[in-house]
Amino acid sequence: MPKDLEESICNATVFERIYKTYVKDLHDFLYYKYGEKYNPSDVTQEAFIKLWDQCNKVSLSKAKSFLFTVANNMVLNDIKHQKVVLKFKQISPKQHTNE
């Protein structure tokens, strides 16, 4: 039986090993791609929380891909949200009423 099938991400020691292996790489990837503005440390932690929540659905061989994809999508969603906020701020409210 392959080692990958024997180990579950839901096991605390396996998750800790994944965390120690990928935390620096994921943080560096986010920092390089988006800079400090989008809090790469926070996004990294959130990605690992999502991995823990989805540990039954993610195989050990797909953990790295899952982490990087989730973290990247979280930052892209934040960027989209900031664009909406900026667009809303640019719309000036009416200064008059119809009365």
C-alpha atoms as a PDB file:
ATOM      1  CA  MET A   1       0.000   0.000   0.000  1.00  0.00           C
ATOM      2  CA  PRO A   2       1.481   3.401  -0.935  1.00  0.00           C
ATOM      3  CA  LYS A   3       2.488   5.693   1.870  1.00  0.00           C
ATOM      4  CA  ASP A   4       0.234   8.428   0.450  1.00  0.00           C
ATOM      5  CA  LEU A   5      -2.896   6.350   1.070  1.00  0.00           C
ATOM      6  CA  GLU A   6      -1.884   5.373   4.593  1.00  0.00           C
ATOM      7  CA  GLU A   7      -1.461   8.937   5.814  1.00  0.00           C
ATOM      8  CA  SER A   8      -4.349  11.336   6.183  1.00  0.00           C
ATOM      9  CA  ILE A   9      -3.993  15.105   6.376  1.00  0.00           C
ATOM     10  CA  CYS A  10      -6.446  14.978   9.273  1.00  0.00           C
ATOM     11  CA  ASN A  11      -3.713  13.344  11.349  1.00  0.00           C
ATOM     12  CA  ALA A  12      -2.095  16.119  13.427  1.00  0.00           C
ATOM     13  CA  THR A  13       1.477  14.966  12.852  1.00  0.00           C
ATOM     14  CA  VAL A  14       0.971  14.744   9.094  1.00  0.00           C
ATOM     15  CA  PHE A  15      -0.641  18.181   9.029  1.00  0.00           C
ATOM     16  CA  GLU A  16       2.217  19.596  11.098  1.00  0.00           C
ATOM     17  CA  ARG A  17       4.723  18.114   8.650  1.00  0.00           C
ATOM     18  CA  ILE A  18       2.827  19.676   5.717  1.00  0.00           C
ATOM     19  CA  TYR A  19       2.712  23.002   7.541  1.00  0.00           C
ATOM     20  CA  LYS A  20       6.441  23.029   8.260  1.00  0.00           C
ATOM     21  CA  THR A  21       7.223  21.996   4.693  1.00  0.00           C
ATOM     22  CA  TYR A  22       5.098  24.556   2.845  1.00  0.00           C
ATOM     23  CA  VAL A  23       4.520  27.558   5.120  1.00  0.00           C
ATOM     24  CA  LYS A  24       7.641  29.481   4.072  1.00  0.00           C
ATOM     25  CA  ASP A  25       7.233  28.664   0.379  1.00  0.00           C
ATOM     26  CA  LEU A  26       3.597  29.749   0.378  1.00  0.00           C
ATOM     27  CA  HIS A  27       4.352  32.987   2.233  1.00  0.00           C
ATOM     28  CA  ASP A  28       7.241  33.793  -0.123  1.00  0.00           C
ATOM     29  CA  PHE A  29       5.090  33.051  -3.168  1.00  0.00           C
ATOM     30  CA  LEU A  30       2.340  35.413  -1.994  1.00  0.00           C
ATOM     31  CA  TYR A  31       4.805  38.114  -0.990  1.00  0.00           C
ATOM     32  CA  TYR A  32       6.602  37.922  -4.345  1.00  0.00           C
ATOM     33  CA  LYS A  33       3.396  37.908  -6.379  1.00  0.00           C
ATOM     34  CA  TYR A  34       1.315  40.509  -4.483  1.00  0.00           C
ATOM     35  CA  GLY A  35       3.619  42.296  -2.043  1.00  0.00           C
ATOM     36  CA  GLU A  36       2.948  43.210   1.569  1.00  0.00           C
ATOM     37  CA  LYS A  37      -0.333  45.009   0.817  1.00  0.00           C
ATOM     38  CA  TYR A  38      -2.471  41.861   0.892  1.00  0.00           C
ATOM     39  CA  ASN A  39      -1.007  40.401   4.130  1.00  0.00           C
ATOM     40  CA  PRO A  40       0.726  37.249   2.891  1.00  0.00           C
ATOM     41  CA  SER A  41       1.131  35.970   6.466  1.00  0.00           C
ATOM     42  CA  ASP A  42      -2.604  36.148   7.137  1.00  0.00           C
ATOM     43  CA  VAL A  43      -3.502  34.596   3.798  1.00  0.00           C
ATOM     44  CA  THR A  44      -1.008  31.793   4.421  1.00  0.00           C
ATOM     45  CA  GLN A  45      -2.607  31.008   7.770  1.00  0.00           C
ATOM     46  CA  GLU A  46      -6.095  31.128   6.269  1.00  0.00           C
ATOM     47  CA  ALA A  47      -5.046  28.701   3.517  1.00  0.00           C
ATOM     48  CA  PHE A  48      -3.809  26.222   6.115  1.00  0.00           C
ATOM     49  CA  ILE A  49      -7.062  26.610   8.053  1.00  0.00           C
ATOM     50  CA  LYS A  50      -9.004  25.784   4.881  1.00  0.00           C
ATOM     51  CA  LEU A  51      -6.755  22.760   4.325  1.00  0.00           C
ATOM     52  CA  TRP A  52      -7.510  21.562   7.849  1.00  0.00           C
ATOM     53  CA  ASP A  53     -11.248  22.072   7.300  1.00  0.00           C
ATOM     54  CA  GLN A  54     -11.095  20.127   4.033  1.00  0.00           C
ATOM     55  CA  CYS A  55      -8.611  17.487   5.219  1.00  0.00           C
ATOM     56  CA  ASN A  56     -10.942  14.588   4.376  1.00  0.00           C
ATOM     57  CA  LYS A  57     -11.337  15.733   0.779  1.00  0.00           C
ATOM     58  CA  VAL A  58      -7.689  16.560  -0.036  1.00  0.00           C
ATOM     59  CA  SER A  59      -5.131  13.832  -0.583  1.00  0.00           C
ATOM     60  CA  LEU A  60      -1.605  14.181   0.708  1.00  0.00           C
ATOM     61  CA  SER A  61      -0.193  14.396  -2.813  1.00  0.00           C
ATOM     62  CA  LYS A  62      -2.517  17.327  -3.646  1.00  0.00           C
ATOM     63  CA  ALA A  63      -1.930  19.324  -0.452  1.00  0.00           C
ATOM     64  CA  LYS A  64       0.657  21.704  -1.924  1.00  0.00           C
ATOM     65  CA  SER A  65      -1.470  22.435  -4.974  1.00  0.00           C
ATOM     66  CA  PHE A  66      -4.523  22.967  -2.777  1.00  0.00           C
ATOM     67  CA  LEU A  67      -2.684  25.426  -0.517  1.00  0.00           C
ATOM     68  CA  PHE A  68      -1.241  27.516  -3.338  1.00  0.00           C
ATOM     69  CA  THR A  69      -4.510  27.571  -5.277  1.00  0.00           C
ATOM     70  CA  VAL A  70      -6.612  28.528  -2.258  1.00  0.00           C
ATOM     71  CA  ALA A  71      -4.178  31.244  -1.163  1.00  0.00           C
ATOM     72  CA  ASN A  72      -3.934  32.692  -4.660  1.00  0.00           C
ATOM     73  CA  ASN A  73      -7.730  32.716  -5.032  1.00  0.00           C
ATOM     74  CA  MET A  74      -8.146  34.410  -1.661  1.00  0.00           C
ATOM     75  CA  VAL A  75      -5.842  37.253  -2.710  1.00  0.00           C
ATOM     76  CA  LEU A  76      -7.540  37.582  -6.100  1.00  0.00           C
ATOM     77  CA  ASN A  77     -10.933  37.767  -4.388  1.00  0.00           C
ATOM     78  CA  ASP A  78      -9.586  40.479  -2.096  1.00  0.00           C
ATOM     79  CA  ILE A  79      -8.306  42.426  -5.112  1.00  0.00           C
ATOM     80  CA  LYS A  80     -11.733  42.155  -6.778  1.00  0.00           C
ATOM     81  CA  HIS A  81     -13.358  43.380  -3.586  1.00  0.00           C
ATOM     82  CA  GLN A  82     -10.997  46.365  -3.416  1.00  0.00           C
ATOM     83  CA  LYS A  83     -11.909  47.266  -7.003  1.00  0.00           C
ATOM     84  CA  VAL A  84     -15.606  47.245  -6.125  1.00  0.00           C
ATOM     85  CA  VAL A  85     -14.959  49.411  -3.069  1.00  0.00           C
ATOM     86  CA  LEU A  86     -12.915  51.863  -5.147  1.00  0.00           C
ATOM     87  CA  LYS A  87     -15.605  52.044  -7.826  1.00  0.00           C
ATOM     88  CA  PHE A  88     -18.258  52.680  -5.183  1.00  0.00           C
ATOM     89  CA  LYS A  89     -16.178  55.472  -3.635  1.00  0.00           C
ATOM     90  CA  GLN A  90     -15.872  57.187  -7.017  1.00  0.00           C
ATOM     91  CA  ILE A  91     -19.634  57.445  -7.425  1.00  0.00           C
ATOM     92  CA  SER A  92     -20.708  60.763  -5.977  1.00  0.00           C
ATOM     93  CA  PRO A  93     -24.081  60.795  -4.216  1.00  0.00           C
ATOM     94  CA  LYS A  94     -26.790  63.207  -5.261  1.00  0.00           C
ATOM     95  CA  GLN A  95     -26.575  66.560  -3.564  1.00  0.00           C
ATOM     96  CA  HIS A  96     -30.230  67.366  -4.199  1.00  0.00           C
ATOM     97  CA  THR A  97     -33.645  65.795  -3.869  1.00  0.00           C
ATOM     98  CA  ASN A  98     -36.612  65.822  -6.218  1.00  0.00           C
ATOM     99  CA  GLU A  99     -38.612  68.044  -3.867  1.00  0.00           C
END
